[in-house]
């Protein structure tokens, strides 16, 4: 495959759940559609919360998308005419996603992705730190903490009405029934190791 557009870069939209990441991705896609760009939108197959073949925001904005299980499948749906690749919830793809975004951008494709920068533990999510370092543009959004109302930068997982345990699985697809936006102070994870406890 040979892509010969003269411009290419990576844009990452990140933050916790309920921060408007997908809405911002869709806003950028709509602007590029008005500009008559050749766009392909992807989302991980496992994310079927709102629709099977659409990217859908929490406030029900939507656009058609291609479902993929592995990042390498992107190449099955693009060609030399592709100008823009957009990927929602990129953190649910495999680690090859970062390298593929870099490859596409280097060949003139504008790559726009959205995803969680931190997991429910408040720790970096998989390959996202690498992708953030490769990106030309990073937009870090915040939500509103459901406990105290200040800007929220973390995602609280709720299990049976209580905060999740540190050793729970990283990936659990859900929305309001399983997650809340929290600030640093209100974010809780049971049994999270703290090597600095007692230092201050």
C-alpha atoms as a PDB file:
ATOM      1  CA  UNK A   1       0.000   0.000   0.000  1.00  0.00           C
ATOM      2  CA  UNK A   2       1.335   3.436  -0.902  1.00  0.00           C
ATOM      3  CA  UNK A   3      -0.153   6.587   0.530  1.00  0.00           C
ATOM      4  CA  UNK A   4       1.116   9.773  -1.038  1.00  0.00           C
ATOM      5  CA  UNK A   5      -0.641  12.682   0.696  1.00  0.00           C
ATOM      6  CA  UNK A   6       1.918  15.319   1.623  1.00  0.00           C
ATOM      7  CA  UNK A   7       0.599  15.970   5.123  1.00  0.00           C
ATOM      8  CA  UNK A   8       0.049  13.568   7.997  1.00  0.00           C
ATOM      9  CA  UNK A   9      -0.076  13.669  11.773  1.00  0.00           C
ATOM     10  CA  UNK A  10      -1.605  12.077  14.863  1.00  0.00           C
ATOM     11  CA  UNK A  11      -4.231  13.718  17.063  1.00  0.00           C
ATOM     12  CA  UNK A  12      -5.110  12.060  20.383  1.00  0.00           C
ATOM     13  CA  UNK A  13      -8.239  12.969  22.354  1.00  0.00           C
ATOM     14  CA  UNK A  14      -7.954  11.475  25.828  1.00  0.00           C
ATOM     15  CA  UNK A  15      -9.310  11.705  29.358  1.00  0.00           C
ATOM     16  CA  UNK A  16     -11.654   9.758  31.658  1.00  0.00           C
ATOM     17  CA  UNK A  17     -15.061   8.383  30.799  1.00  0.00           C
ATOM     18  CA  UNK A  18     -17.852  10.967  30.399  1.00  0.00           C
ATOM     19  CA  UNK A  19     -15.405  13.703  29.355  1.00  0.00           C
ATOM     20  CA  UNK A  20     -16.764  13.994  25.794  1.00  0.00           C
ATOM     21  CA  UNK A  21     -13.928  12.220  23.950  1.00  0.00           C
ATOM     22  CA  UNK A  22     -16.156  10.502  21.403  1.00  0.00           C
ATOM     23  CA  UNK A  23     -18.202  13.677  20.902  1.00  0.00           C
ATOM     24  CA  UNK A  24     -15.002  15.580  20.108  1.00  0.00           C
ATOM     25  CA  UNK A  25     -13.856  12.852  17.716  1.00  0.00           C
ATOM     26  CA  UNK A  26     -17.213  13.006  15.917  1.00  0.00           C
ATOM     27  CA  UNK A  27     -17.051  16.813  15.760  1.00  0.00           C
ATOM     28  CA  UNK A  28     -13.707  16.628  13.967  1.00  0.00           C
ATOM     29  CA  UNK A  29     -14.971  13.906  11.634  1.00  0.00           C
ATOM     30  CA  UNK A  30     -18.025  15.992  10.702  1.00  0.00           C
ATOM     31  CA  UNK A  31     -15.836  18.991   9.861  1.00  0.00           C
ATOM     32  CA  UNK A  32     -13.686  16.826   7.596  1.00  0.00           C
ATOM     33  CA  UNK A  33     -16.797  15.392   5.932  1.00  0.00           C
ATOM     34  CA  UNK A  34     -17.864  18.952   5.083  1.00  0.00           C
ATOM     35  CA  UNK A  35     -14.398  19.442   3.587  1.00  0.00           C
ATOM     36  CA  UNK A  36     -15.018  16.380   1.362  1.00  0.00           C
ATOM     37  CA  UNK A  37     -12.144  14.377   2.836  1.00  0.00           C
ATOM     38  CA  UNK A  38     -11.939  10.627   2.330  1.00  0.00           C
ATOM     39  CA  UNK A  39     -12.448   9.317   5.885  1.00  0.00           C
ATOM     40  CA  UNK A  40     -12.647   5.842   7.395  1.00  0.00           C
ATOM     41  CA  UNK A  41     -13.869   5.565  11.002  1.00  0.00           C
ATOM     42  CA  UNK A  42     -13.020   2.531  13.137  1.00  0.00           C
ATOM     43  CA  UNK A  43     -13.972   1.207  16.540  1.00  0.00           C
ATOM     44  CA  UNK A  44     -13.044  -1.961  18.469  1.00  0.00           C
ATOM     45  CA  UNK A  45     -15.445  -4.842  17.913  1.00  0.00           C
ATOM     46  CA  UNK A  46     -15.772  -5.367  21.671  1.00  0.00           C
ATOM     47  CA  UNK A  47     -17.369  -1.937  22.140  1.00  0.00           C
ATOM     48  CA  UNK A  48     -20.992  -2.628  21.245  1.00  0.00           C
ATOM     49  CA  UNK A  49     -22.584  -0.558  24.041  1.00  0.00           C
ATOM     50  CA  UNK A  50     -24.737   1.636  21.801  1.00  0.00           C
ATOM     51  CA  UNK A  51     -24.566   0.246  18.244  1.00  0.00           C
ATOM     52  CA  UNK A  52     -22.927  -2.530  16.251  1.00  0.00           C
ATOM     53  CA  UNK A  53     -21.672  -0.511  13.270  1.00  0.00           C
ATOM     54  CA  UNK A  54     -21.596   3.073  14.526  1.00  0.00           C
ATOM     55  CA  UNK A  55     -19.467   5.205  16.808  1.00  0.00           C
ATOM     56  CA  UNK A  56     -21.926   6.696  19.297  1.00  0.00           C
ATOM     57  CA  UNK A  57     -21.270   9.271  22.003  1.00  0.00           C
ATOM     58  CA  UNK A  58     -23.018   9.304  25.386  1.00  0.00           C
ATOM     59  CA  UNK A  59     -25.301  12.084  24.110  1.00  0.00           C
ATOM     60  CA  UNK A  60     -26.222   9.997  21.037  1.00  0.00           C
ATOM     61  CA  UNK A  61     -24.156  11.701  18.321  1.00  0.00           C
ATOM     62  CA  UNK A  62     -23.161   8.996  15.845  1.00  0.00           C
ATOM     63  CA  UNK A  63     -21.467   8.080  12.594  1.00  0.00           C
ATOM     64  CA  UNK A  64     -20.962   4.869  10.619  1.00  0.00           C
ATOM     65  CA  UNK A  65     -17.879   2.882  11.545  1.00  0.00           C
ATOM     66  CA  UNK A  66     -15.939  -0.280  10.758  1.00  0.00           C
ATOM     67  CA  UNK A  67     -15.583  -2.783  13.595  1.00  0.00           C
ATOM     68  CA  UNK A  68     -12.131  -4.308  14.031  1.00  0.00           C
ATOM     69  CA  UNK A  69     -10.677  -6.756  16.543  1.00  0.00           C
ATOM     70  CA  UNK A  70      -7.009  -6.051  15.791  1.00  0.00           C
ATOM     71  CA  UNK A  71      -5.258  -2.861  14.742  1.00  0.00           C
ATOM     72  CA  UNK A  72      -3.738  -4.504  11.668  1.00  0.00           C
ATOM     73  CA  UNK A  73      -7.240  -4.929  10.209  1.00  0.00           C
ATOM     74  CA  UNK A  74      -7.216  -1.186   9.482  1.00  0.00           C
ATOM     75  CA  UNK A  75      -5.212  -1.965   6.344  1.00  0.00           C
ATOM     76  CA  UNK A  76      -8.109  -4.060   4.989  1.00  0.00           C
ATOM     77  CA  UNK A  77     -10.345  -0.973   4.776  1.00  0.00           C
ATOM     78  CA  UNK A  78      -8.074   1.833   3.565  1.00  0.00           C
ATOM     79  CA  UNK A  79      -6.248   2.534   0.321  1.00  0.00           C
ATOM     80  CA  UNK A  80      -4.119   5.198  -1.314  1.00  0.00           C
ATOM     81  CA  UNK A  81      -7.159   7.522  -1.503  1.00  0.00           C
ATOM     82  CA  UNK A  82      -7.689   7.502   2.274  1.00  0.00           C
ATOM     83  CA  UNK A  83      -6.945  10.909   3.776  1.00  0.00           C
ATOM     84  CA  UNK A  84      -8.221  10.511   7.331  1.00  0.00           C
ATOM     85  CA  UNK A  85      -8.373   7.552   9.716  1.00  0.00           C
ATOM     86  CA  UNK A  86     -10.400   8.022  12.917  1.00  0.00           C
ATOM     87  CA  UNK A  87     -10.446   5.454  15.731  1.00  0.00           C
ATOM     88  CA  UNK A  88     -12.712   5.595  18.779  1.00  0.00           C
ATOM     89  CA  UNK A  89     -11.825   3.803  22.048  1.00  0.00           C
ATOM     90  CA  UNK A  90      -8.379   2.969  20.675  1.00  0.00           C
ATOM     91  CA  UNK A  91      -7.179   1.681  24.058  1.00  0.00           C
ATOM     92  CA  UNK A  92      -9.217  -1.494  23.462  1.00  0.00           C
ATOM     93  CA  UNK A  93      -7.094  -2.468  20.447  1.00  0.00           C
ATOM     94  CA  UNK A  94      -3.785  -4.326  20.649  1.00  0.00           C
ATOM     95  CA  UNK A  95      -0.430  -2.622  21.194  1.00  0.00           C
ATOM     96  CA  UNK A  96       0.303  -2.589  17.463  1.00  0.00           C
ATOM     97  CA  UNK A  97      -2.180   0.294  17.181  1.00  0.00           C
ATOM     98  CA  UNK A  98       0.437   2.885  18.183  1.00  0.00           C
ATOM     99  CA  UNK A  99       2.889   1.765  15.507  1.00  0.00           C
ATOM    100  CA  UNK A 100       0.175   1.663  12.852  1.00  0.00           C
ATOM    101  CA  UNK A 101      -0.921   5.211  13.699  1.00  0.00           C
ATOM    102  CA  UNK A 102       2.707   6.314  13.345  1.00  0.00           C
ATOM    103  CA  UNK A 103       3.037   4.494  10.008  1.00  0.00           C
ATOM    104  CA  UNK A 104      -0.128   6.079   8.596  1.00  0.00           C
ATOM    105  CA  UNK A 105       0.811   9.581   9.732  1.00  0.00           C
ATOM    106  CA  UNK A 106       4.266   9.210   8.182  1.00  0.00           C
ATOM    107  CA  UNK A 107       2.580   8.439   4.872  1.00  0.00           C
ATOM    108  CA  UNK A 108       0.386  11.501   4.837  1.00  0.00           C
ATOM    109  CA  UNK A 109      -2.745  10.317   6.633  1.00  0.00           C
ATOM    110  CA  UNK A 110      -4.358  12.463   9.305  1.00  0.00           C
ATOM    111  CA  UNK A 111      -4.973  10.086  12.210  1.00  0.00           C
ATOM    112  CA  UNK A 112      -7.524  11.094  14.862  1.00  0.00           C
ATOM    113  CA  UNK A 113      -8.040   8.797  17.837  1.00  0.00           C
ATOM    114  CA  UNK A 114      -9.883   8.952  21.124  1.00  0.00           C
ATOM    115  CA  UNK A 115      -9.397   6.833  24.206  1.00  0.00           C
ATOM    116  CA  UNK A 116      -8.841   6.520  27.916  1.00  0.00           C
ATOM    117  CA  UNK A 117      -5.380   7.598  29.004  1.00  0.00           C
ATOM    118  CA  UNK A 118      -5.763   5.870  32.390  1.00  0.00           C
ATOM    119  CA  UNK A 119      -7.438   2.625  33.460  1.00  0.00           C
ATOM    120  CA  UNK A 120      -9.837   2.269  36.402  1.00  0.00           C
ATOM    121  CA  UNK A 121      -6.832   1.995  38.737  1.00  0.00           C
ATOM    122  CA  UNK A 122      -5.694   5.482  37.725  1.00  0.00           C
ATOM    123  CA  UNK A 123      -2.658   4.018  35.950  1.00  0.00           C
ATOM    124  CA  UNK A 124      -1.553   4.471  32.302  1.00  0.00           C
ATOM    125  CA  UNK A 125      -3.746   2.401  29.976  1.00  0.00           C
ATOM    126  CA  UNK A 126      -1.711  -0.128  27.983  1.00  0.00           C
ATOM    127  CA  UNK A 127       0.053   1.498  24.976  1.00  0.00           C
ATOM    128  CA  UNK A 128      -1.569   4.921  25.440  1.00  0.00           C
ATOM    129  CA  UNK A 129       1.586   6.571  26.872  1.00  0.00           C
ATOM    130  CA  UNK A 130       3.494   5.554  23.725  1.00  0.00           C
ATOM    131  CA  UNK A 131       0.739   6.881  21.474  1.00  0.00           C
ATOM    132  CA  UNK A 132       0.613  10.177  23.379  1.00  0.00           C
ATOM    133  CA  UNK A 133       4.366  10.603  22.914  1.00  0.00           C
ATOM    134  CA  UNK A 134       4.087   9.946  19.160  1.00  0.00           C
ATOM    135  CA  UNK A 135       1.198  12.375  18.620  1.00  0.00           C
ATOM    136  CA  UNK A 136       1.624  15.882  17.239  1.00  0.00           C
ATOM    137  CA  UNK A 137      -1.542  17.059  19.007  1.00  0.00           C
ATOM    138  CA  UNK A 138      -2.987  15.917  22.335  1.00  0.00           C
ATOM    139  CA  UNK A 139      -6.316  17.130  23.703  1.00  0.00           C
ATOM    140  CA  UNK A 140      -6.828  16.051  27.307  1.00  0.00           C
ATOM    141  CA  UNK A 141     -10.440  16.466  28.386  1.00  0.00           C
ATOM    142  CA  UNK A 142     -11.907  16.381  31.873  1.00  0.00           C
ATOM    143  CA  UNK A 143     -15.319  15.326  33.143  1.00  0.00           C
ATOM    144  CA  UNK A 144     -17.124  16.445  36.314  1.00  0.00           C
ATOM    145  CA  UNK A 145     -16.511  14.503  39.514  1.00  0.00           C
ATOM    146  CA  UNK A 146     -19.794  12.954  40.638  1.00  0.00           C
ATOM    147  CA  UNK A 147     -18.761  13.281  44.291  1.00  0.00           C
ATOM    148  CA  UNK A 148     -17.502  16.857  44.646  1.00  0.00           C
ATOM    149  CA  UNK A 149     -18.124  18.599  41.308  1.00  0.00           C
ATOM    150  CA  UNK A 150     -14.543  19.620  40.467  1.00  0.00           C
ATOM    151  CA  UNK A 151     -12.813  18.550  37.202  1.00  0.00           C
ATOM    152  CA  UNK A 152     -12.496  14.768  36.992  1.00  0.00           C
ATOM    153  CA  UNK A 153      -9.448  13.137  35.409  1.00  0.00           C
ATOM    154  CA  UNK A 154     -10.070   9.544  36.472  1.00  0.00           C
ATOM    155  CA  UNK A 155     -12.591   6.786  35.870  1.00  0.00           C
ATOM    156  CA  UNK A 156     -14.089   5.081  38.921  1.00  0.00           C
ATOM    157  CA  UNK A 157     -15.245   1.504  38.398  1.00  0.00           C
ATOM    158  CA  UNK A 158     -18.187   0.450  40.548  1.00  0.00           C
ATOM    159  CA  UNK A 159     -18.824  -3.229  41.376  1.00  0.00           C
ATOM    160  CA  UNK A 160     -21.913  -4.077  43.466  1.00  0.00           C
ATOM    161  CA  UNK A 161     -22.114  -0.458  44.554  1.00  0.00           C
ATOM    162  CA  UNK A 162     -18.497  -0.316  45.748  1.00  0.00           C
ATOM    163  CA  UNK A 163     -15.152   0.720  44.204  1.00  0.00           C
ATOM    164  CA  UNK A 164     -13.429  -2.051  42.254  1.00  0.00           C
ATOM    165  CA  UNK A 165     -10.449  -3.962  43.622  1.00  0.00           C
ATOM    166  CA  UNK A 166      -6.950  -3.325  42.265  1.00  0.00           C
ATOM    167  CA  UNK A 167      -6.567  -6.873  40.893  1.00  0.00           C
ATOM    168  CA  UNK A 168      -9.888  -6.836  38.978  1.00  0.00           C
ATOM    169  CA  UNK A 169      -9.625  -7.220  35.165  1.00  0.00           C
ATOM    170  CA  UNK A 170      -8.546  -4.020  33.387  1.00  0.00           C
ATOM    171  CA  UNK A 171     -11.184  -4.234  30.642  1.00  0.00           C
ATOM    172  CA  UNK A 172     -14.873  -4.288  31.541  1.00  0.00           C
ATOM    173  CA  UNK A 173     -17.179  -2.730  28.960  1.00  0.00           C
ATOM    174  CA  UNK A 174     -19.876  -0.579  30.504  1.00  0.00           C
ATOM    175  CA  UNK A 175     -21.263   2.917  30.953  1.00  0.00           C
ATOM    176  CA  UNK A 176     -23.103   4.658  33.806  1.00  0.00           C
ATOM    177  CA  UNK A 177     -23.999   1.355  35.486  1.00  0.00           C
ATOM    178  CA  UNK A 178     -20.319   0.442  35.994  1.00  0.00           C
ATOM    179  CA  UNK A 179     -18.330   3.687  35.934  1.00  0.00           C
ATOM    180  CA  UNK A 180     -18.246   7.223  37.281  1.00  0.00           C
ATOM    181  CA  UNK A 181     -16.013  10.211  36.634  1.00  0.00           C
ATOM    182  CA  UNK A 182     -13.944  11.148  39.696  1.00  0.00           C
ATOM    183  CA  UNK A 183     -11.253  13.638  40.654  1.00  0.00           C
ATOM    184  CA  UNK A 184      -7.955  12.493  42.149  1.00  0.00           C
ATOM    185  CA  UNK A 185      -9.193  12.863  45.738  1.00  0.00           C
ATOM    186  CA  UNK A 186     -12.512  11.047  45.233  1.00  0.00           C
ATOM    187  CA  UNK A 187     -11.086   8.218  43.108  1.00  0.00           C
ATOM    188  CA  UNK A 188     -10.824   4.976  45.109  1.00  0.00           C
ATOM    189  CA  UNK A 189      -9.357   1.552  44.319  1.00  0.00           C
ATOM    190  CA  UNK A 190      -9.474  -1.167  46.988  1.00  0.00           C
ATOM    191  CA  UNK A 191      -6.118  -2.773  47.833  1.00  0.00           C
ATOM    192  CA  UNK A 192      -4.083  -0.557  45.520  1.00  0.00           C
ATOM    193  CA  UNK A 193      -0.389  -0.879  46.495  1.00  0.00           C
ATOM    194  CA  UNK A 194       1.195   2.284  47.889  1.00  0.00           C
ATOM    195  CA  UNK A 195       4.999   2.058  48.142  1.00  0.00           C
ATOM    196  CA  UNK A 196       5.154   5.587  49.616  1.00  0.00           C
ATOM    197  CA  UNK A 197       2.669   5.098  52.447  1.00  0.00           C
ATOM    198  CA  UNK A 198       3.841   6.799  55.627  1.00  0.00           C
ATOM    199  CA  UNK A 199       6.376   9.070  53.888  1.00  0.00           C
ATOM    200  CA  UNK A 200       4.402  12.250  54.637  1.00  0.00           C
END
